[in-house]
Amino acid sequence: MEKFARRCDATGKGINEGYVFGDGELYFSEEKHLIDHLRSRDSMDELSNEFILNEAYEQDLYYYTEWDEVDEDEWYDADGNAIEI
């Protein structure tokens, strides 16, 4: 069984790489999910995705990362189910 370090807050699936919003409040597997979240926070209907991402990045609202190690005592399966040993 493949182990995943985090669960995507948009899809509910396990992930080992993705976007971290804030200080780990939310995790997103794909850029489009991050953009949807950023758009939902403020009225940004007129702004391009690129502008929204650049502004949020400059304000340290998110970053992209890969989790190389998975905690052996607590992890997620592919369906996003938490596994604790």
PDB file of N, CA and C in Angstrom:
ATOM      1  N   MET A   1       0.845  -1.173   0.000  1.00  0.00           N
ATOM      2  CA  MET A   1       0.000   0.000   0.000  1.00  0.00           C
ATOM      3  C   MET A   1       0.894   1.242   0.000  1.00  0.00           C
ATOM      4  N   GLU A   2       0.604   2.150  -0.907  1.00  0.00           N
ATOM      5  CA  GLU A   2       1.369   3.389  -0.964  1.00  0.00           C
ATOM      6  C   GLU A   2       0.954   4.301   0.180  1.00  0.00           C
ATOM      7  N   LYS A   3       1.941   4.966   0.780  1.00  0.00           N
ATOM      8  CA  LYS A   3       1.699   5.865   1.899  1.00  0.00           C
ATOM      9  C   LYS A   3       1.844   7.307   1.435  1.00  0.00           C
ATOM     10  N   PHE A   4       1.000   8.167   1.985  1.00  0.00           N
ATOM     11  CA  PHE A   4       1.023   9.579   1.632  1.00  0.00           C
ATOM     12  C   PHE A   4       1.167  10.424   2.892  1.00  0.00           C
ATOM     13  N   ALA A   5       1.919  11.517   2.775  1.00  0.00           N
ATOM     14  CA  ALA A   5       2.223  12.371   3.920  1.00  0.00           C
ATOM     15  C   ALA A   5       1.076  13.312   4.285  1.00  0.00           C
ATOM     16  N   ARG A   6       0.286  13.720   3.299  1.00  0.00           N
ATOM     17  CA  ARG A   6      -0.793  14.683   3.535  1.00  0.00           C
ATOM     18  C   ARG A   6      -2.038  14.261   2.753  1.00  0.00           C
ATOM     19  N   ARG A   7      -3.145  14.958   3.044  1.00  0.00           N
ATOM     20  CA  ARG A   7      -4.403  14.742   2.323  1.00  0.00           C
ATOM     21  C   ARG A   7      -4.808  16.063   1.675  1.00  0.00           C
ATOM     22  N   CYS A   8      -5.158  16.016   0.393  1.00  0.00           N
ATOM     23  CA  CYS A   8      -5.605  17.201  -0.338  1.00  0.00           C
ATOM     24  C   CYS A   8      -6.958  17.641   0.220  1.00  0.00           C
ATOM     25  N   ASP A   9      -7.061  18.912   0.574  1.00  0.00           N
ATOM     26  CA  ASP A   9      -8.312  19.426   1.120  1.00  0.00           C
ATOM     27  C   ASP A   9      -9.383  19.625   0.053  1.00  0.00           C
ATOM     28  N   ALA A  10      -9.007  19.605  -1.208  1.00  0.00           N
ATOM     29  CA  ALA A  10      -9.989  19.753  -2.287  1.00  0.00           C
ATOM     30  C   ALA A  10     -10.530  18.406  -2.749  1.00  0.00           C
ATOM     31  N   THR A  11      -9.661  17.422  -2.883  1.00  0.00           N
ATOM     32  CA  THR A  11     -10.067  16.127  -3.430  1.00  0.00           C
ATOM     33  C   THR A  11     -10.244  15.050  -2.370  1.00  0.00           C
ATOM     34  N   GLY A  12      -9.610  15.246  -1.208  1.00  0.00           N
ATOM     35  CA  GLY A  12      -9.658  14.238  -0.161  1.00  0.00           C
ATOM     36  C   GLY A  12      -8.694  13.084  -0.376  1.00  0.00           C
ATOM     37  N   LYS A  13      -7.888  13.133  -1.416  1.00  0.00           N
ATOM     38  CA  LYS A  13      -6.942  12.057  -1.751  1.00  0.00           C
ATOM     39  C   LYS A  13      -5.593  12.298  -1.066  1.00  0.00           C
ATOM     40  N   GLY A  14      -4.857  11.203  -0.848  1.00  0.00           N
ATOM     41  CA  GLY A  14      -3.525  11.305  -0.278  1.00  0.00           C
ATOM     42  C   GLY A  14      -2.549  11.925  -1.263  1.00  0.00           C
ATOM     43  N   ILE A  15      -1.613  12.750  -0.764  1.00  0.00           N
ATOM     44  CA  ILE A  15      -0.624  13.410  -1.625  1.00  0.00           C
ATOM     45  C   ILE A  15       0.758  13.384  -0.978  1.00  0.00           C
ATOM     46  N   ASN A  16       1.776  13.379  -1.811  1.00  0.00           N
ATOM     47  CA  ASN A  16       3.162  13.498  -1.365  1.00  0.00           C
ATOM     48  C   ASN A  16       3.843  14.726  -1.946  1.00  0.00           C
ATOM     49  N   GLU A  17       3.094  15.518  -2.675  1.00  0.00           N
ATOM     50  CA  GLU A  17       3.578  16.799  -3.183  1.00  0.00           C
ATOM     51  C   GLU A  17       2.375  17.679  -3.432  1.00  0.00           C
ATOM     52  N   GLY A  18       2.586  18.986  -3.283  1.00  0.00           N
ATOM     53  CA  GLY A  18       1.474  19.891  -3.522  1.00  0.00           C
ATOM     54  C   GLY A  18       1.695  21.260  -2.911  1.00  0.00           C
ATOM     55  N   TYR A  19       0.615  21.993  -2.837  1.00  0.00           N
ATOM     56  CA  TYR A  19       0.628  23.372  -2.370  1.00  0.00           C
ATOM     57  C   TYR A  19       0.179  23.425  -0.915  1.00  0.00           C
ATOM     58  N   VAL A  20       0.935  24.160  -0.118  1.00  0.00           N
ATOM     59  CA  VAL A  20       0.610  24.352   1.295  1.00  0.00           C
ATOM     60  C   VAL A  20       0.105  25.779   1.450  1.00  0.00           C
ATOM     61  N   PHE A  21      -1.105  25.924   1.969  1.00  0.00           N
ATOM     62  CA  PHE A  21      -1.668  27.249   2.203  1.00  0.00           C
ATOM     63  C   PHE A  21      -1.440  27.638   3.653  1.00  0.00           C
ATOM     64  N   GLY A  22      -0.957  28.869   3.850  1.00  0.00           N
ATOM     65  CA  GLY A  22      -0.693  29.366   5.200  1.00  0.00           C
ATOM     66  C   GLY A  22       0.415  28.567   5.853  1.00  0.00           C
ATOM     67  N   ASP A  23       0.221  28.281   7.109  1.00  0.00           N
ATOM     68  CA  ASP A  23       1.206  27.505   7.864  1.00  0.00           C
ATOM     69  C   ASP A  23       0.803  26.043   7.939  1.00  0.00           C
ATOM     70  N   GLY A  24       0.158  25.563   6.881  1.00  0.00           N
ATOM     71  CA  GLY A  24      -0.278  24.178   6.850  1.00  0.00           C
ATOM     72  C   GLY A  24      -1.749  24.023   7.188  1.00  0.00           C
ATOM     73  N   GLU A  25      -2.505  25.118   7.084  1.00  0.00           N
ATOM     74  CA  GLU A  25      -3.944  25.024   7.344  1.00  0.00           C
ATOM     75  C   GLU A  25      -4.638  24.173   6.288  1.00  0.00           C
ATOM     76  N   LEU A  26      -4.172  24.297   5.036  1.00  0.00           N
ATOM     77  CA  LEU A  26      -4.776  23.564   3.926  1.00  0.00           C
ATOM     78  C   LEU A  26      -3.684  23.030   3.007  1.00  0.00           C
ATOM     79  N   TYR A  27      -4.003  21.911   2.341  1.00  0.00           N
ATOM     80  CA  TYR A  27      -3.090  21.297   1.373  1.00  0.00           C
ATOM     81  C   TYR A  27      -3.861  21.045   0.087  1.00  0.00           C
ATOM     82  N   PHE A  28      -3.228  21.336  -1.052  1.00  0.00           N
ATOM     83  CA  PHE A  28      -3.865  21.142  -2.349  1.00  0.00           C
ATOM     84  C   PHE A  28      -2.932  20.377  -3.278  1.00  0.00           C
ATOM     85  N   SER A  29      -3.484  19.409  -3.977  1.00  0.00           N
ATOM     86  CA  SER A  29      -2.698  18.588  -4.889  1.00  0.00           C
ATOM     87  C   SER A  29      -2.404  19.298  -6.204  1.00  0.00           C
ATOM     88  N   GLU A  30      -3.278  20.210  -6.603  1.00  0.00           N
ATOM     89  CA  GLU A  30      -3.121  20.866  -7.905  1.00  0.00           C
ATOM     90  C   GLU A  30      -3.284  22.377  -7.784  1.00  0.00           C
ATOM     91  N   GLU A  31      -2.627  23.081  -8.683  1.00  0.00           N
ATOM     92  CA  GLU A  31      -2.681  24.536  -8.705  1.00  0.00           C
ATOM     93  C   GLU A  31      -4.114  25.045  -8.836  1.00  0.00           C
ATOM     94  N   LYS A  32      -4.938  24.363  -9.625  1.00  0.00           N
ATOM     95  CA  LYS A  32      -6.316  24.830  -9.831  1.00  0.00           C
ATOM     96  C   LYS A  32      -7.107  24.833  -8.529  1.00  0.00           C
ATOM     97  N   HIS A  33      -6.824  23.892  -7.626  1.00  0.00           N
ATOM     98  CA  HIS A  33      -7.517  23.862  -6.336  1.00  0.00           C
ATOM     99  C   HIS A  33      -7.074  25.032  -5.462  1.00  0.00           C
ATOM    100  N   LEU A  34      -5.782  25.349  -5.509  1.00  0.00           N
ATOM    101  CA  LEU A  34      -5.268  26.499  -4.777  1.00  0.00           C
ATOM    102  C   LEU A  34      -5.917  27.778  -5.301  1.00  0.00           C
ATOM    103  N   ILE A  35      -5.983  27.928  -6.610  1.00  0.00           N
ATOM    104  CA  ILE A  35      -6.594  29.121  -7.207  1.00  0.00           C
ATOM    105  C   ILE A  35      -8.056  29.235  -6.788  1.00  0.00           C
ATOM    106  N   ASP A  36      -8.785  28.143  -6.819  1.00  0.00           N
ATOM    107  CA  ASP A  36     -10.191  28.164  -6.389  1.00  0.00           C
ATOM    108  C   ASP A  36     -10.306  28.653  -4.950  1.00  0.00           C
ATOM    109  N   HIS A  37      -9.418  28.171  -4.092  1.00  0.00           N
ATOM    110  CA  HIS A  37      -9.450  28.607  -2.696  1.00  0.00           C
ATOM    111  C   HIS A  37      -9.129  30.094  -2.583  1.00  0.00           C
ATOM    112  N   LEU A  38      -8.094  30.549  -3.282  1.00  0.00           N
ATOM    113  CA  LEU A  38      -7.727  31.968  -3.222  1.00  0.00           C
ATOM    114  C   LEU A  38      -8.860  32.840  -3.736  1.00  0.00           C
ATOM    115  N   ARG A  39      -9.516  32.413  -4.797  1.00  0.00           N
ATOM    116  CA  ARG A  39     -10.649  33.178  -5.329  1.00  0.00           C
ATOM    117  C   ARG A  39     -11.816  33.220  -4.340  1.00  0.00           C
ATOM    118  N   SER A  40     -12.013  32.163  -3.582  1.00  0.00           N
ATOM    119  CA  SER A  40     -13.133  32.110  -2.642  1.00  0.00           C
ATOM    120  C   SER A  40     -12.924  33.036  -1.442  1.00  0.00           C
ATOM    121  N   ARG A  41     -11.694  33.410  -1.165  1.00  0.00           N
ATOM    122  CA  ARG A  41     -11.378  34.269  -0.024  1.00  0.00           C
ATOM    123  C   ARG A  41     -11.710  35.721  -0.291  1.00  0.00           C
ATOM    124  N   ASP A  42     -11.539  36.164  -1.517  1.00  0.00           N
ATOM    125  CA  ASP A  42     -11.746  37.564  -1.875  1.00  0.00           C
ATOM    126  C   ASP A  42     -12.456  37.637  -3.219  1.00  0.00           C
ATOM    127  N   SER A  43     -13.029  38.777  -3.497  1.00  0.00           N
ATOM    128  CA  SER A  43     -13.676  38.977  -4.793  1.00  0.00           C
ATOM    129  C   SER A  43     -12.594  39.234  -5.840  1.00  0.00           C
ATOM    130  N   MET A  44     -12.258  38.197  -6.606  1.00  0.00           N
ATOM    131  CA  MET A  44     -11.173  38.293  -7.578  1.00  0.00           C
ATOM    132  C   MET A  44     -11.627  37.877  -8.969  1.00  0.00           C
ATOM    133  N   ASP A  45     -12.881  38.053  -9.271  1.00  0.00           N
ATOM    134  CA  ASP A  45     -13.418  37.587 -10.547  1.00  0.00           C
ATOM    135  C   ASP A  45     -12.731  38.214 -11.757  1.00  0.00           C
ATOM    136  N   GLU A  46     -12.259  39.428 -11.615  1.00  0.00           N
ATOM    137  CA  GLU A  46     -11.676  40.154 -12.749  1.00  0.00           C
ATOM    138  C   GLU A  46     -10.181  39.874 -12.925  1.00  0.00           C
ATOM    139  N   LEU A  47      -9.567  39.192 -11.982  1.00  0.00           N
ATOM    140  CA  LEU A  47      -8.115  39.009 -12.004  1.00  0.00           C
ATOM    141  C   LEU A  47      -7.724  37.680 -12.643  1.00  0.00           C
ATOM    142  N   SER A  48      -6.584  37.664 -13.305  1.00  0.00           N
ATOM    143  CA  SER A  48      -6.103  36.435 -13.936  1.00  0.00           C
ATOM    144  C   SER A  48      -5.561  35.478 -12.879  1.00  0.00           C
ATOM    145  N   ASN A  49      -5.537  34.206 -13.216  1.00  0.00           N
ATOM    146  CA  ASN A  49      -4.982  33.199 -12.312  1.00  0.00           C
ATOM    147  C   ASN A  49      -3.521  33.504 -11.992  1.00  0.00           C
ATOM    148  N   GLU A  50      -2.773  33.897 -13.007  1.00  0.00           N
ATOM    149  CA  GLU A  50      -1.356  34.205 -12.813  1.00  0.00           C
ATOM    150  C   GLU A  50      -1.172  35.355 -11.819  1.00  0.00           C
ATOM    151  N   PHE A  51      -1.994  36.396 -11.951  1.00  0.00           N
ATOM    152  CA  PHE A  51      -1.898  37.532 -11.033  1.00  0.00           C
ATOM    153  C   PHE A  51      -2.221  37.099  -9.606  1.00  0.00           C
ATOM    154  N   ILE A  52      -3.280  36.327  -9.456  1.00  0.00           N
ATOM    155  CA  ILE A  52      -3.695  35.860  -8.128  1.00  0.00           C
ATOM    156  C   ILE A  52      -2.583  35.033  -7.482  1.00  0.00           C
ATOM    157  N   LEU A  53      -2.001  34.103  -8.245  1.00  0.00           N
ATOM    158  CA  LEU A  53      -0.923  33.272  -7.710  1.00  0.00           C
ATOM    159  C   LEU A  53       0.299  34.102  -7.335  1.00  0.00           C
ATOM    160  N   ASN A  54       0.688  35.034  -8.189  1.00  0.00           N
ATOM    161  CA  ASN A  54       1.858  35.874  -7.911  1.00  0.00           C
ATOM    162  C   ASN A  54       1.652  36.715  -6.656  1.00  0.00           C
ATOM    163  N   GLU A  55       0.481  37.325  -6.532  1.00  0.00           N
ATOM    164  CA  GLU A  55       0.191  38.154  -5.363  1.00  0.00           C
ATOM    165  C   GLU A  55       0.190  37.328  -4.084  1.00  0.00           C
ATOM    166  N   ALA A  56      -0.451  36.173  -4.122  1.00  0.00           N
ATOM    167  CA  ALA A  56      -0.518  35.311  -2.939  1.00  0.00           C
ATOM    168  C   ALA A  56       0.861  34.809  -2.558  1.00  0.00           C
ATOM    169  N   TYR A  57       1.685  34.476  -3.558  1.00  0.00           N
ATOM    170  CA  TYR A  57       3.042  33.996  -3.286  1.00  0.00           C
ATOM    171  C   TYR A  57       3.885  35.098  -2.647  1.00  0.00           C
ATOM    172  N   GLU A  58       3.780  36.311  -3.181  1.00  0.00           N
ATOM    173  CA  GLU A  58       4.536  37.445  -2.641  1.00  0.00           C
ATOM    174  C   GLU A  58       4.116  37.759  -1.206  1.00  0.00           C
ATOM    175  N   GLN A  59       2.872  37.438  -0.846  1.00  0.00           N
ATOM    176  CA  GLN A  59       2.379  37.673   0.517  1.00  0.00           C
ATOM    177  C   GLN A  59       2.622  36.458   1.416  1.00  0.00           C
ATOM    178  N   ASP A  60       3.374  35.499   0.912  1.00  0.00           N
ATOM    179  CA  ASP A  60       3.692  34.268   1.660  1.00  0.00           C
ATOM    180  C   ASP A  60       2.444  33.506   2.098  1.00  0.00           C
ATOM    181  N   LEU A  61       1.425  33.492   1.243  1.00  0.00           N
ATOM    182  CA  LEU A  61       0.195  32.769   1.566  1.00  0.00           C
ATOM    183  C   LEU A  61       0.290  31.287   1.225  1.00  0.00           C
ATOM    184  N   TYR A  62       1.214  30.921   0.335  1.00  0.00           N
ATOM    185  CA  TYR A  62       1.354  29.516  -0.037  1.00  0.00           C
ATOM    186  C   TYR A  62       2.760  29.234  -0.540  1.00  0.00           C
ATOM    187  N   TYR A  63       3.060  27.945  -0.598  1.00  0.00           N
ATOM    188  CA  TYR A  63       4.284  27.477  -1.242  1.00  0.00           C
ATOM    189  C   TYR A  63       4.041  26.061  -1.743  1.00  0.00           C
ATOM    190  N   TYR A  64       4.897  25.615  -2.629  1.00  0.00           N
ATOM    191  CA  TYR A  64       4.823  24.266  -3.187  1.00  0.00           C
ATOM    192  C   TYR A  64       5.932  23.429  -2.557  1.00  0.00           C
ATOM    193  N   THR A  65       5.635  22.176  -2.256  1.00  0.00           N
ATOM    194  CA  THR A  65       6.656  21.312  -1.665  1.00  0.00           C
ATOM    195  C   THR A  65       6.405  19.857  -2.014  1.00  0.00           C
ATOM    196  N   GLU A  66       7.421  19.055  -1.770  1.00  0.00           N
ATOM    197  CA  GLU A  66       7.324  17.600  -1.877  1.00  0.00           C
ATOM    198  C   GLU A  66       7.698  17.036  -0.522  1.00  0.00           C
ATOM    199  N   TRP A  67       6.938  16.070  -0.044  1.00  0.00           N
ATOM    200  CA  TRP A  67       7.243  15.410   1.213  1.00  0.00           C
ATOM    201  C   TRP A  67       7.979  14.121   0.874  1.00  0.00           C
ATOM    202  N   ASP A  68       9.269  14.085   1.180  1.00  0.00           N
ATOM    203  CA  ASP A  68      10.102  12.929   0.858  1.00  0.00           C
ATOM    204  C   ASP A  68       9.922  11.796   1.851  1.00  0.00           C
ATOM    205  N   GLU A  69       9.583  12.151   3.076  1.00  0.00           N
ATOM    206  CA  GLU A  69       9.426  11.141   4.110  1.00  0.00           C
ATOM    207  C   GLU A  69       8.002  11.139   4.636  1.00  0.00           C
ATOM    208  N   VAL A  70       7.514   9.953   4.925  1.00  0.00           N
ATOM    209  CA  VAL A  70       6.181   9.792   5.475  1.00  0.00           C
ATOM    210  C   VAL A  70       6.324   9.274   6.896  1.00  0.00           C
ATOM    211  N   ASP A  71       5.638   9.906   7.828  1.00  0.00           N
ATOM    212  CA  ASP A  71       5.666   9.483   9.222  1.00  0.00           C
ATOM    213  C   ASP A  71       5.147   8.057   9.319  1.00  0.00           C
ATOM    214  N   GLU A  72       5.941   7.162   9.869  1.00  0.00           N
ATOM    215  CA  GLU A  72       5.558   5.746   9.954  1.00  0.00           C
ATOM    216  C   GLU A  72       4.411   5.506  10.932  1.00  0.00           C
ATOM    217  N   ASP A  73       4.174   6.441  11.849  1.00  0.00           N
ATOM    218  CA  ASP A  73       3.114   6.272  12.839  1.00  0.00           C
ATOM    219  C   ASP A  73       1.784   6.883  12.401  1.00  0.00           C
ATOM    220  N   GLU A  74       1.830   7.810  11.441  1.00  0.00           N
ATOM    221  CA  GLU A  74       0.607   8.471  10.983  1.00  0.00           C
ATOM    222  C   GLU A  74       0.773   8.888   9.529  1.00  0.00           C
ATOM    223  N   TRP A  75      -0.085   8.389   8.657  1.00  0.00           N
ATOM    224  CA  TRP A  75      -0.018   8.697   7.242  1.00  0.00           C
ATOM    225  C   TRP A  75      -1.404   8.521   6.633  1.00  0.00           C
ATOM    226  N   TYR A  76      -1.513   8.732   5.325  1.00  0.00           N
ATOM    227  CA  TYR A  76      -2.783   8.615   4.599  1.00  0.00           C
ATOM    228  C   TYR A  76      -2.644   7.588   3.486  1.00  0.00           C
ATOM    229  N   ASP A  77      -3.745   6.925   3.181  1.00  0.00           N
ATOM    230  CA  ASP A  77      -3.744   6.039   2.017  1.00  0.00           C
ATOM    231  C   ASP A  77      -4.175   6.839   0.794  1.00  0.00           C
ATOM    232  N   ALA A  78      -4.242   6.202  -0.374  1.00  0.00           N
ATOM    233  CA  ALA A  78      -4.567   6.902  -1.618  1.00  0.00           C
ATOM    234  C   ALA A  78      -5.940   7.567  -1.582  1.00  0.00           C
ATOM    235  N   ASP A  79      -6.861   6.995  -0.801  1.00  0.00           N
ATOM    236  CA  ASP A  79      -8.209   7.564  -0.697  1.00  0.00           C
ATOM    237  C   ASP A  79      -8.314   8.645   0.362  1.00  0.00           C
ATOM    238  N   GLY A  80      -7.193   8.974   1.013  1.00  0.00           N
ATOM    239  CA  GLY A  80      -7.182  10.033   2.001  1.00  0.00           C
ATOM    240  C   GLY A  80      -7.586   9.599   3.399  1.00  0.00           C
ATOM    241  N   ASN A  81      -7.675   8.302   3.625  1.00  0.00           N
ATOM    242  CA  ASN A  81      -8.002   7.796   4.955  1.00  0.00           C
ATOM    243  C   ASN A  81      -6.773   7.892   5.860  1.00  0.00           C
ATOM    244  N   ALA A  82      -6.953   8.461   7.057  1.00  0.00           N
ATOM    245  CA  ALA A  82      -5.852   8.572   8.008  1.00  0.00           C
ATOM    246  C   ALA A  82      -5.544   7.201   8.599  1.00  0.00           C
ATOM    247  N   ILE A  83      -4.263   6.860   8.618  1.00  0.00           N
ATOM    248  CA  ILE A  83      -3.798   5.597   9.188  1.00  0.00           C
ATOM    249  C   ILE A  83      -2.887   5.942  10.356  1.00  0.00           C
ATOM    250  N   GLU A  84      -3.236   5.456  11.549  1.00  0.00           N
ATOM    251  CA  GLU A  84      -2.408   5.675  12.726  1.00  0.00           C
ATOM    252  C   GLU A  84      -2.021   4.330  13.300  1.00  0.00           C
ATOM    253  N   ILE A  85      -0.739   4.199  13.612  1.00  0.00           N
ATOM    254  CA  ILE A  85      -0.251   2.923  14.159  1.00  0.00           C
ATOM    255  C   ILE A  85       0.166   3.142  15.603  1.00  0.00           C
TER     256      ILE A  85
END
